[in-house]
Protein backbone atom coordinates (compact mmCIF):
# COMPACT_ATOMS: atom_id res chain seq x y z
CA MET A 1 23.09 -0.72 1.88
CA LYS A 2 19.52 0.42 2.32
CA LEU A 3 17.10 -2.42 2.99
CA GLN A 4 14.13 -2.40 0.64
CA PRO A 5 10.76 -4.18 0.92
CA LEU A 6 11.78 -6.73 -1.73
CA THR A 7 15.31 -7.35 -0.42
CA PRO A 8 15.74 -11.15 -0.11
CA THR A 9 15.92 -12.49 3.44
CA PRO A 10 19.50 -13.82 3.13
CA THR A 11 20.64 -10.37 1.97
CA VAL A 12 18.84 -8.71 4.89
CA LEU A 13 20.52 -11.09 7.34
CA GLN A 14 23.94 -10.43 5.82
CA GLU A 15 23.42 -6.66 6.00
CA LEU A 16 22.21 -6.76 9.61
CA GLY A 17 25.16 -8.97 10.54
CA ARG A 18 27.54 -6.53 8.86
CA ARG A 19 25.96 -3.63 10.77
CA LEU A 20 26.21 -5.51 14.06
CA ALA A 21 29.90 -6.23 13.46
CA GLN A 22 30.46 -2.57 12.61
CA VAL A 23 28.86 -1.39 15.88
CA ARG A 24 30.85 -3.95 17.85
CA LYS A 25 34.10 -2.78 16.26
CA GLN A 26 33.24 0.90 16.79
CA ARG A 27 32.85 0.13 20.48
CA ARG A 28 36.18 -1.67 20.42
CA LEU A 29 34.70 -4.96 21.54
CA ALA A 30 36.08 -8.35 20.55
CA GLN A 31 33.56 -10.99 19.54
CA GLU A 32 34.37 -12.86 22.72
CA GLU A 33 33.61 -9.81 24.88
CA LEU A 34 30.27 -9.03 23.24
CA ALA A 35 29.22 -12.68 23.27
CA GLN A 36 30.00 -12.89 27.00
CA GLN A 37 28.13 -9.63 27.77
CA ALA A 38 25.11 -10.90 25.83
CA GLY A 39 25.22 -14.36 27.38
CA LEU A 40 25.78 -16.03 24.02
CA GLY A 41 28.39 -18.33 22.60
CA VAL A 42 31.07 -16.87 20.35
CA ALA A 43 29.99 -19.27 17.60
CA THR A 44 26.46 -17.83 17.77
CA LEU A 45 27.76 -14.28 17.44
CA ARG A 46 29.96 -15.30 14.50
CA ARG A 47 26.97 -16.89 12.75
CA ILE A 48 24.91 -13.73 13.24
CA GLU A 49 27.68 -11.46 11.98
CA ASP A 50 28.14 -13.75 8.97
CA GLY A 51 24.48 -13.28 8.10
CA ARG A 52 23.41 -16.80 8.80
CA ASP A 53 19.99 -17.34 10.31
CA SER A 54 19.63 -16.71 14.03
CA ARG A 55 17.04 -16.51 16.77
CA LEU A 56 15.31 -13.27 17.67
CA GLY A 57 16.20 -13.85 21.31
CA SER A 58 19.89 -13.74 20.42
CA TRP A 59 19.41 -10.41 18.67
CA VAL A 60 17.56 -9.01 21.69
CA ARG A 61 20.42 -10.04 23.99
CA LEU A 62 22.97 -8.46 21.65
CA MET A 63 21.00 -5.23 21.35
CA GLN A 64 20.70 -5.04 25.14
CA ALA A 65 24.42 -5.69 25.60
CA LEU A 66 25.18 -2.89 23.12
CA GLU A 67 22.66 -0.62 24.89
CA LEU A 68 20.59 -0.39 21.70
CA SER A 69 17.40 -1.98 23.02
CA SER A 70 15.42 1.22 22.34
CA ALA A 71 15.90 0.48 18.63
CA LEU A 72 13.92 -2.74 19.08
CA ASP A 73 10.76 -0.67 19.45
CA TYR A 74 11.04 0.24 15.77
CA LEU A 75 10.83 -3.43 14.83
CA LEU A 76 7.12 -3.54 15.64
CA PRO A 77 5.85 -0.29 17.13
CA GLU A 78 3.27 -0.63 19.89
CA ASP A 79 0.85 1.75 18.16
CA LEU A 80 1.21 1.23 14.44
CA ARG A 81 -1.11 3.59 12.58
CA SER A 82 -1.76 3.20 8.92
CA PRO A 83 -3.01 6.25 7.01
CA MET A 84 -5.03 3.94 4.75
CA ALA A 85 -6.70 2.19 7.71
CA GLU A 86 -7.56 5.54 9.29
CA ALA A 87 -9.09 6.77 6.02
CA LYS A 88 -11.19 3.62 5.72
CA ALA A 89 -12.39 3.97 9.32
CA ARG A 90 -13.46 7.55 8.63
CA SER A 91 -15.37 6.49 5.52
CA ARG A 92 -17.35 3.91 7.52
CA ALA A 93 -18.27 6.41 10.23
CA PRO A 94 -21.68 8.09 9.96
CA LYS A 95 -21.45 11.23 7.88
CA HIS A 96 -23.72 13.38 10.04
CA ALA A 97 -25.41 13.04 13.35
CA GLU A 98 -29.18 12.72 13.21
CA ARG A 99 -30.72 16.17 13.37
CA THR A 100 -34.02 17.08 14.90
CA GLY A 101 -34.23 20.66 13.72
CA PRO A 102 -32.54 23.31 11.63
CA ASP A 103 -28.96 24.43 12.28
CA PHE A 104 -30.08 28.00 12.78
CA VAL A 105 -33.27 29.91 13.48
CA TRP A 106 -34.39 33.12 11.82
CA GLY A 107 -34.87 36.04 14.16
CA ASP A 108 -38.65 36.04 13.72
CA GLU A 109 -38.86 32.26 14.44
CA ARG A 110 -37.38 32.48 17.94
CA PRO A 111 -39.74 31.71 20.81
C-alpha cells in the first residue's frame, strides 16, 4: 500500500507495522530476537507490528537494529528545499543592481 498525504494515521501505523514485520521476517528474525537487539520488550514490538501507537524512540531503536537507520534521514531531511519557497525568495530579491552608467560604451565615447 502506498501511503498518501490524506491516509489516516491509524492506517499509516498499520502499514508501517506490516512493513516492519515483513523486513523482520525477510531477515529471519523472531520477534524476540529483534526486540532483544533493539533493547525493547517483545510486547512493544508486537504493538508496533500490529499498528498500534508507539514512541519514535522505539522506531529508531528498531531501525538501528535492522541496520536501516539511514532511512531515518528521509523522515525529516536536514536540508529540505521547497521549490515554492525558493521561487518566493527570488521574487523578493532586488531585480537589478543599482547602475551608475550604461552597460556599454560606443566606440567614440571611450576616453
